[in-house]
């Protein structure tokens, strides 16, 4: 059985290369599939470039969505990375 989890995050900084790479690294430690949604667009956290392509600016609200056995932990870990991005 697959589980899913969502966490909303207000970005303190735009999704540039460093926070995008950190988010991808955080997601890669879990088996869950993780994506970030901004408006009507979404990006898999298998690629930092895809995440940066969302163009989410500082102050934007994004949703971290994870699906899989460890979805809740994965969503929380990625959300924490995004919450503290500089």
PDB file of N, CA and C in Angstrom:
ATOM      1  N   UNK A   1       0.841  -1.181   0.000  1.00  0.00           N
ATOM      2  CA  UNK A   1       0.000   0.000   0.000  1.00  0.00           C
ATOM      3  C   UNK A   1       0.890   1.249   0.000  1.00  0.00           C
ATOM      4  N   UNK A   2       0.561   2.176  -0.855  1.00  0.00           N
ATOM      5  CA  UNK A   2       1.337   3.403  -0.975  1.00  0.00           C
ATOM      6  C   UNK A   2       0.703   4.514  -0.147  1.00  0.00           C
ATOM      7  N   UNK A   3       1.542   5.297   0.485  1.00  0.00           N
ATOM      8  CA  UNK A   3       1.061   6.419   1.284  1.00  0.00           C
ATOM      9  C   UNK A   3       1.478   7.708   0.618  1.00  0.00           C
ATOM     10  N   UNK A   4       0.768   8.791   0.945  1.00  0.00           N
ATOM     11  CA  UNK A   4       1.171  10.083   0.421  1.00  0.00           C
ATOM     12  C   UNK A   4       1.087  11.122   1.531  1.00  0.00           C
ATOM     13  N   UNK A   5       1.837  12.188   1.340  1.00  0.00           N
ATOM     14  CA  UNK A   5       1.895  13.245   2.330  1.00  0.00           C
ATOM     15  C   UNK A   5       2.174  14.557   1.628  1.00  0.00           C
ATOM     16  N   UNK A   6       1.607  15.648   2.144  1.00  0.00           N
ATOM     17  CA  UNK A   6       1.847  16.971   1.582  1.00  0.00           C
ATOM     18  C   UNK A   6       2.181  17.947   2.701  1.00  0.00           C
ATOM     19  N   UNK A   7       3.117  18.852   2.399  1.00  0.00           N
ATOM     20  CA  UNK A   7       3.511  19.885   3.341  1.00  0.00           C
ATOM     21  C   UNK A   7       3.648  21.179   2.557  1.00  0.00           C
ATOM     22  N   UNK A   8       3.031  22.262   3.045  1.00  0.00           N
ATOM     23  CA  UNK A   8       3.180  23.566   2.402  1.00  0.00           C
ATOM     24  C   UNK A   8       4.349  24.306   3.032  1.00  0.00           C
ATOM     25  N   UNK A   9       5.098  25.021   2.191  1.00  0.00           N
ATOM     26  CA  UNK A   9       6.276  25.751   2.637  1.00  0.00           C
ATOM     27  C   UNK A   9       6.276  27.131   2.000  1.00  0.00           C
ATOM     28  N   UNK A  10       6.567  28.163   2.789  1.00  0.00           N
ATOM     29  CA  UNK A  10       6.794  29.500   2.249  1.00  0.00           C
ATOM     30  C   UNK A  10       8.308  29.637   2.096  1.00  0.00           C
ATOM     31  N   UNK A  11       8.746  29.877   0.877  1.00  0.00           N
ATOM     32  CA  UNK A  11      10.174  29.923   0.583  1.00  0.00           C
ATOM     33  C   UNK A  11      10.813  31.225   1.068  1.00  0.00           C
ATOM     34  N   UNK A  12      11.879  31.143   1.856  1.00  0.00           N
ATOM     35  CA  UNK A  12      12.582  32.339   2.283  1.00  0.00           C
ATOM     36  C   UNK A  12      13.494  32.881   1.180  1.00  0.00           C
ATOM     37  N   UNK A  13      13.822  32.035   0.200  1.00  0.00           N
ATOM     38  CA  UNK A  13      14.688  32.421  -0.915  1.00  0.00           C
ATOM     39  C   UNK A  13      14.179  31.739  -2.179  1.00  0.00           C
ATOM     40  N   UNK A  14      14.528  32.297  -3.325  1.00  0.00           N
ATOM     41  CA  UNK A  14      14.138  31.686  -4.595  1.00  0.00           C
ATOM     42  C   UNK A  14      14.784  30.313  -4.731  1.00  0.00           C
ATOM     43  N   UNK A  15      14.172  29.470  -5.540  1.00  0.00           N
ATOM     44  CA  UNK A  15      14.701  28.117  -5.760  1.00  0.00           C
ATOM     45  C   UNK A  15      15.854  28.164  -6.763  1.00  0.00           C
ATOM     46  N   UNK A  16      17.024  28.552  -6.283  1.00  0.00           N
ATOM     47  CA  UNK A  16      18.205  28.582  -7.135  1.00  0.00           C
ATOM     48  C   UNK A  16      18.987  27.283  -6.946  1.00  0.00           C
ATOM     49  N   UNK A  17      20.176  27.194  -7.516  1.00  0.00           N
ATOM     50  CA  UNK A  17      20.915  25.929  -7.606  1.00  0.00           C
ATOM     51  C   UNK A  17      21.196  25.263  -6.261  1.00  0.00           C
ATOM     52  N   UNK A  18      21.689  26.005  -5.283  1.00  0.00           N
ATOM     53  CA  UNK A  18      22.083  25.371  -4.023  1.00  0.00           C
ATOM     54  C   UNK A  18      20.899  24.771  -3.277  1.00  0.00           C
ATOM     55  N   UNK A  19      19.816  25.528  -3.011  1.00  0.00           N
ATOM     56  CA  UNK A  19      18.694  24.892  -2.303  1.00  0.00           C
ATOM     57  C   UNK A  19      18.028  23.783  -3.120  1.00  0.00           C
ATOM     58  N   UNK A  20      18.029  23.925  -4.441  1.00  0.00           N
ATOM     59  CA  UNK A  20      17.448  22.866  -5.272  1.00  0.00           C
ATOM     60  C   UNK A  20      18.264  21.587  -5.135  1.00  0.00           C
ATOM     61  N   UNK A  21      19.583  21.702  -5.175  1.00  0.00           N
ATOM     62  CA  UNK A  21      20.443  20.521  -5.026  1.00  0.00           C
ATOM     63  C   UNK A  21      20.294  19.910  -3.638  1.00  0.00           C
ATOM     64  N   UNK A  22      20.183  20.737  -2.605  1.00  0.00           N
ATOM     65  CA  UNK A  22      20.005  20.226  -1.247  1.00  0.00           C
ATOM     66  C   UNK A  22      18.676  19.491  -1.114  1.00  0.00           C
ATOM     67  N   UNK A  23      17.630  20.010  -1.730  1.00  0.00           N
ATOM     68  CA  UNK A  23      16.318  19.359  -1.680  1.00  0.00           C
ATOM     69  C   UNK A  23      16.358  18.008  -2.390  1.00  0.00           C
ATOM     70  N   UNK A  24      17.033  17.950  -3.536  1.00  0.00           N
ATOM     71  CA  UNK A  24      17.162  16.688  -4.271  1.00  0.00           C
ATOM     72  C   UNK A  24      17.944  15.676  -3.430  1.00  0.00           C
ATOM     73  N   UNK A  25      19.018  16.123  -2.782  1.00  0.00           N
ATOM     74  CA  UNK A  25      19.798  15.213  -1.919  1.00  0.00           C
ATOM     75  C   UNK A  25      18.943  14.683  -0.773  1.00  0.00           C
ATOM     76  N   UNK A  26      18.158  15.567  -0.155  1.00  0.00           N
ATOM     77  CA  UNK A  26      17.293  15.146   0.949  1.00  0.00           C
ATOM     78  C   UNK A  26      16.280  14.111   0.467  1.00  0.00           C
ATOM     79  N   UNK A  27      15.674  14.358  -0.678  1.00  0.00           N
ATOM     80  CA  UNK A  27      14.668  13.429  -1.209  1.00  0.00           C
ATOM     81  C   UNK A  27      15.284  12.082  -1.569  1.00  0.00           C
ATOM     82  N   UNK A  28      16.532  12.089  -2.010  1.00  0.00           N
ATOM     83  CA  UNK A  28      17.162  10.850  -2.473  1.00  0.00           C
ATOM     84  C   UNK A  28      17.452   9.868  -1.344  1.00  0.00           C
ATOM     85  N   UNK A  29      17.360  10.312  -0.105  1.00  0.00           N
ATOM     86  CA  UNK A  29      17.613   9.408   1.021  1.00  0.00           C
ATOM     87  C   UNK A  29      16.378   8.582   1.387  1.00  0.00           C
ATOM     88  N   UNK A  30      15.274   8.825   0.697  1.00  0.00           N
ATOM     89  CA  UNK A  30      14.018   8.114   0.962  1.00  0.00           C
ATOM     90  C   UNK A  30      13.603   7.319  -0.266  1.00  0.00           C
ATOM     91  N   UNK A  31      12.739   6.344  -0.064  1.00  0.00           N
ATOM     92  CA  UNK A  31      12.229   5.570  -1.192  1.00  0.00           C
ATOM     93  C   UNK A  31      11.030   6.244  -1.845  1.00  0.00           C
ATOM     94  N   UNK A  32      10.406   7.170  -1.162  1.00  0.00           N
ATOM     95  CA  UNK A  32       9.222   7.857  -1.689  1.00  0.00           C
ATOM     96  C   UNK A  32       9.574   8.684  -2.923  1.00  0.00           C
ATOM     97  N   UNK A  33       8.612   8.828  -3.814  1.00  0.00           N
ATOM     98  CA  UNK A  33       8.733   9.757  -4.937  1.00  0.00           C
ATOM     99  C   UNK A  33       8.284  11.111  -4.418  1.00  0.00           C
ATOM    100  N   UNK A  34       9.108  12.137  -4.639  1.00  0.00           N
ATOM    101  CA  UNK A  34       8.821  13.457  -4.095  1.00  0.00           C
ATOM    102  C   UNK A  34       8.765  14.472  -5.231  1.00  0.00           C
ATOM    103  N   UNK A  35       7.793  15.362  -5.164  1.00  0.00           N
ATOM    104  CA  UNK A  35       7.714  16.456  -6.120  1.00  0.00           C
ATOM    105  C   UNK A  35       7.343  17.729  -5.378  1.00  0.00           C
ATOM    106  N   UNK A  36       7.658  18.842  -6.007  1.00  0.00           N
ATOM    107  CA  UNK A  36       7.309  20.151  -5.458  1.00  0.00           C
ATOM    108  C   UNK A  36       6.358  20.807  -6.451  1.00  0.00           C
ATOM    109  N   UNK A  37       5.298  21.398  -5.923  1.00  0.00           N
ATOM    110  CA  UNK A  37       4.299  22.075  -6.762  1.00  0.00           C
ATOM    111  C   UNK A  37       4.289  23.563  -6.448  1.00  0.00           C
ATOM    112  N   UNK A  38       4.244  24.352  -7.506  1.00  0.00           N
ATOM    113  CA  UNK A  38       4.129  25.804  -7.377  1.00  0.00           C
ATOM    114  C   UNK A  38       3.106  26.251  -8.408  1.00  0.00           C
ATOM    115  N   UNK A  39       1.979  26.754  -7.931  1.00  0.00           N
ATOM    116  CA  UNK A  39       0.898  27.103  -8.847  1.00  0.00           C
ATOM    117  C   UNK A  39       0.398  25.859  -9.548  1.00  0.00           C
ATOM    118  N   UNK A  40       0.328  25.924 -10.874  1.00  0.00           N
ATOM    119  CA  UNK A  40      -0.158  24.766 -11.633  1.00  0.00           C
ATOM    120  C   UNK A  40       0.976  23.918 -12.199  1.00  0.00           C
ATOM    121  N   UNK A  41       2.198  24.166 -11.734  1.00  0.00           N
ATOM    122  CA  UNK A  41       3.364  23.418 -12.214  1.00  0.00           C
ATOM    123  C   UNK A  41       3.918  22.526 -11.107  1.00  0.00           C
ATOM    124  N   UNK A  42       4.550  21.430 -11.515  1.00  0.00           N
ATOM    125  CA  UNK A  42       5.189  20.554 -10.537  1.00  0.00           C
ATOM    126  C   UNK A  42       6.508  20.042 -11.110  1.00  0.00           C
ATOM    127  N   UNK A  43       7.399  19.665 -10.202  1.00  0.00           N
ATOM    128  CA  UNK A  43       8.709  19.155 -10.607  1.00  0.00           C
ATOM    129  C   UNK A  43       9.104  18.002  -9.700  1.00  0.00           C
ATOM    130  N   UNK A  44       9.608  16.952 -10.306  1.00  0.00           N
ATOM    131  CA  UNK A  44      10.126  15.815  -9.563  1.00  0.00           C
ATOM    132  C   UNK A  44      11.419  16.221  -8.878  1.00  0.00           C
ATOM    133  N   UNK A  45      11.654  15.660  -7.707  1.00  0.00           N
ATOM    134  CA  UNK A  45      12.900  15.947  -7.015  1.00  0.00           C
ATOM    135  C   UNK A  45      13.980  14.942  -7.388  1.00  0.00           C
ATOM    136  N   UNK A  46      13.911  14.432  -8.573  1.00  0.00           N
ATOM    137  CA  UNK A  46      14.995  13.611  -9.114  1.00  0.00           C
ATOM    138  C   UNK A  46      16.010  14.503  -9.816  1.00  0.00           C
ATOM    139  N   UNK A  47      15.636  15.767 -10.037  1.00  0.00           N
ATOM    140  CA  UNK A  47      16.504  16.683 -10.765  1.00  0.00           C
ATOM    141  C   UNK A  47      16.421  18.091 -10.184  1.00  0.00           C
ATOM    142  N   UNK A  48      17.572  18.647  -9.820  1.00  0.00           N
ATOM    143  CA  UNK A  48      17.610  20.021  -9.322  1.00  0.00           C
ATOM    144  C   UNK A  48      17.193  20.995 -10.414  1.00  0.00           C
ATOM    145  N   UNK A  49      17.556  20.702 -11.653  1.00  0.00           N
ATOM    146  CA  UNK A  49      17.198  21.583 -12.763  1.00  0.00           C
ATOM    147  C   UNK A  49      15.687  21.680 -12.924  1.00  0.00           C
ATOM    148  N   UNK A  50      15.013  20.559 -12.798  1.00  0.00           N
ATOM    149  CA  UNK A  50      13.540  20.576 -12.897  1.00  0.00           C
ATOM    150  C   UNK A  50      12.934  21.413 -11.775  1.00  0.00           C
ATOM    151  N   UNK A  51      13.490  21.272 -10.580  1.00  0.00           N
ATOM    152  CA  UNK A  51      12.984  22.042  -9.447  1.00  0.00           C
ATOM    153  C   UNK A  51      13.202  23.533  -9.685  1.00  0.00           C
ATOM    154  N   UNK A  52      14.373  23.917 -10.161  1.00  0.00           N
ATOM    155  CA  UNK A  52      14.647  25.324 -10.441  1.00  0.00           C
ATOM    156  C   UNK A  52      13.737  25.859 -11.546  1.00  0.00           C
ATOM    157  N   UNK A  53      13.329  24.986 -12.478  1.00  0.00           N
ATOM    158  CA  UNK A  53      12.485  25.427 -13.594  1.00  0.00           C
ATOM    159  C   UNK A  53      11.090  25.864 -13.150  1.00  0.00           C
ATOM    160  N   UNK A  54      10.726  25.556 -11.903  1.00  0.00           N
ATOM    161  CA  UNK A  54       9.434  26.037 -11.396  1.00  0.00           C
ATOM    162  C   UNK A  54       9.426  27.561 -11.290  1.00  0.00           C
ATOM    163  N   UNK A  55      10.604  28.147 -11.101  1.00  0.00           N
ATOM    164  CA  UNK A  55      10.701  29.598 -11.012  1.00  0.00           C
ATOM    165  C   UNK A  55      10.038  30.179  -9.782  1.00  0.00           C
ATOM    166  N   UNK A  56      10.005  29.429  -8.705  1.00  0.00           N
ATOM    167  CA  UNK A  56       9.355  29.907  -7.482  1.00  0.00           C
ATOM    168  C   UNK A  56      10.232  30.964  -6.805  1.00  0.00           C
ATOM    169  N   UNK A  57       9.720  32.186  -6.643  1.00  0.00           N
ATOM    170  CA  UNK A  57      10.506  33.253  -6.032  1.00  0.00           C
ATOM    171  C   UNK A  57      10.446  33.210  -4.508  1.00  0.00           C
ATOM    172  N   UNK A  58      11.299  33.976  -3.870  1.00  0.00           N
ATOM    173  CA  UNK A  58      11.250  34.116  -2.412  1.00  0.00           C
ATOM    174  C   UNK A  58       9.852  34.580  -2.017  1.00  0.00           C
ATOM    175  N   UNK A  59       9.310  34.013  -0.964  1.00  0.00           N
ATOM    176  CA  UNK A  59       7.976  34.365  -0.487  1.00  0.00           C
ATOM    177  C   UNK A  59       6.857  33.535  -1.087  1.00  0.00           C
ATOM    178  N   UNK A  60       7.179  32.742  -2.113  1.00  0.00           N
ATOM    179  CA  UNK A  60       6.158  31.892  -2.737  1.00  0.00           C
ATOM    180  C   UNK A  60       5.836  30.711  -1.830  1.00  0.00           C
ATOM    181  N   UNK A  61       4.602  30.252  -1.923  1.00  0.00           N
ATOM    182  CA  UNK A  61       4.203  29.044  -1.209  1.00  0.00           C
ATOM    183  C   UNK A  61       4.272  27.885  -2.179  1.00  0.00           C
ATOM    184  N   UNK A  62       4.996  26.840  -1.795  1.00  0.00           N
ATOM    185  CA  UNK A  62       5.078  25.621  -2.602  1.00  0.00           C
ATOM    186  C   UNK A  62       4.550  24.467  -1.765  1.00  0.00           C
ATOM    187  N   UNK A  63       4.146  23.418  -2.445  1.00  0.00           N
ATOM    188  CA  UNK A  63       3.684  22.212  -1.773  1.00  0.00           C
ATOM    189  C   UNK A  63       4.632  21.071  -2.090  1.00  0.00           C
ATOM    190  N   UNK A  64       5.115  20.429  -1.045  1.00  0.00           N
ATOM    191  CA  UNK A  64       5.952  19.240  -1.201  1.00  0.00           C
ATOM    192  C   UNK A  64       5.010  18.045  -1.109  1.00  0.00           C
ATOM    193  N   UNK A  65       4.988  17.229  -2.144  1.00  0.00           N
ATOM    194  CA  UNK A  65       4.109  16.063  -2.200  1.00  0.00           C
ATOM    195  C   UNK A  65       4.976  14.817  -2.350  1.00  0.00           C
ATOM    196  N   UNK A  66       4.761  13.852  -1.493  1.00  0.00           N
ATOM    197  CA  UNK A  66       5.521  12.605  -1.540  1.00  0.00           C
ATOM    198  C   UNK A  66       4.569  11.420  -1.538  1.00  0.00           C
ATOM    199  N   UNK A  67       4.947  10.379  -2.275  1.00  0.00           N
ATOM    200  CA  UNK A  67       4.166   9.155  -2.343  1.00  0.00           C
ATOM    201  C   UNK A  67       5.096   7.970  -2.146  1.00  0.00           C
ATOM    202  N   UNK A  68       4.736   7.092  -1.238  1.00  0.00           N
ATOM    203  CA  UNK A  68       5.543   5.900  -0.967  1.00  0.00           C
ATOM    204  C   UNK A  68       5.479   5.554   0.505  1.00  0.00           C
ATOM    205  N   UNK A  69       6.159   4.490   0.874  1.00  0.00           N
ATOM    206  CA  UNK A  69       6.095   4.009   2.254  1.00  0.00           C
ATOM    207  C   UNK A  69       6.607   5.031   3.263  1.00  0.00           C
ATOM    208  N   UNK A  70       7.634   5.791   2.906  1.00  0.00           N
ATOM    209  CA  UNK A  70       8.183   6.782   3.833  1.00  0.00           C
ATOM    210  C   UNK A  70       7.846   8.209   3.391  1.00  0.00           C
ATOM    211  N   UNK A  71       6.677   8.370   2.783  1.00  0.00           N
ATOM    212  CA  UNK A  71       6.264   9.648   2.217  1.00  0.00           C
ATOM    213  C   UNK A  71       6.253  10.771   3.240  1.00  0.00           C
ATOM    214  N   UNK A  72       5.718  10.516   4.410  1.00  0.00           N
ATOM    215  CA  UNK A  72       5.609  11.573   5.410  1.00  0.00           C
ATOM    216  C   UNK A  72       6.990  12.091   5.808  1.00  0.00           C
ATOM    217  N   UNK A  73       7.914  11.185   6.078  1.00  0.00           N
ATOM    218  CA  UNK A  73       9.263  11.590   6.458  1.00  0.00           C
ATOM    219  C   UNK A  73       9.978  12.310   5.315  1.00  0.00           C
ATOM    220  N   UNK A  74       9.783  11.829   4.098  1.00  0.00           N
ATOM    221  CA  UNK A  74      10.409  12.460   2.935  1.00  0.00           C
ATOM    222  C   UNK A  74       9.886  13.879   2.749  1.00  0.00           C
ATOM    223  N   UNK A  75       8.571  14.054   2.838  1.00  0.00           N
ATOM    224  CA  UNK A  75       7.987  15.391   2.668  1.00  0.00           C
ATOM    225  C   UNK A  75       8.479  16.348   3.745  1.00  0.00           C
ATOM    226  N   UNK A  76       8.554  15.871   4.977  1.00  0.00           N
ATOM    227  CA  UNK A  76       9.042  16.722   6.069  1.00  0.00           C
ATOM    228  C   UNK A  76      10.505  17.107   5.875  1.00  0.00           C
ATOM    229  N   UNK A  77      11.332  16.163   5.440  1.00  0.00           N
ATOM    230  CA  UNK A  77      12.758  16.439   5.247  1.00  0.00           C
ATOM    231  C   UNK A  77      12.978  17.464   4.135  1.00  0.00           C
ATOM    232  N   UNK A  78      12.284  17.301   3.025  1.00  0.00           N
ATOM    233  CA  UNK A  78      12.427  18.243   1.923  1.00  0.00           C
ATOM    234  C   UNK A  78      11.863  19.610   2.315  1.00  0.00           C
ATOM    235  N   UNK A  79      10.741  19.610   3.008  1.00  0.00           N
ATOM    236  CA  UNK A  79      10.157  20.880   3.454  1.00  0.00           C
ATOM    237  C   UNK A  79      11.120  21.643   4.364  1.00  0.00           C
ATOM    238  N   UNK A  80      11.807  20.926   5.233  1.00  0.00           N
ATOM    239  CA  UNK A  80      12.760  21.582   6.130  1.00  0.00           C
ATOM    240  C   UNK A  80      13.913  22.216   5.351  1.00  0.00           C
ATOM    241  N   UNK A  81      14.396  21.516   4.340  1.00  0.00           N
ATOM    242  CA  UNK A  81      15.455  22.067   3.497  1.00  0.00           C
ATOM    243  C   UNK A  81      14.974  23.351   2.821  1.00  0.00           C
ATOM    244  N   UNK A  82      13.769  23.315   2.272  1.00  0.00           N
ATOM    245  CA  UNK A  82      13.239  24.490   1.573  1.00  0.00           C
ATOM    246  C   UNK A  82      12.949  25.638   2.530  1.00  0.00           C
ATOM    247  N   UNK A  83      12.484  25.310   3.730  1.00  0.00           N
ATOM    248  CA  UNK A  83      12.179  26.323   4.747  1.00  0.00           C
ATOM    249  C   UNK A  83      13.413  27.106   5.186  1.00  0.00           C
ATOM    250  N   UNK A  84      14.563  26.470   5.124  1.00  0.00           N
ATOM    251  CA  UNK A  84      15.788  27.092   5.617  1.00  0.00           C
ATOM    252  C   UNK A  84      16.729  27.518   4.484  1.00  0.00           C
ATOM    253  N   UNK A  85      16.249  27.462   3.255  1.00  0.00           N
ATOM    254  CA  UNK A  85      17.076  27.809   2.091  1.00  0.00           C
ATOM    255  C   UNK A  85      17.493  29.279   2.151  1.00  0.00           C
ATOM    256  N   UNK A  86      18.702  29.508   1.689  1.00  0.00           N
ATOM    257  CA  UNK A  86      19.221  30.889   1.640  1.00  0.00           C
ATOM    258  C   UNK A  86      19.550  31.270   0.225  1.00  0.00           C
TER     259      UNK A  86
END
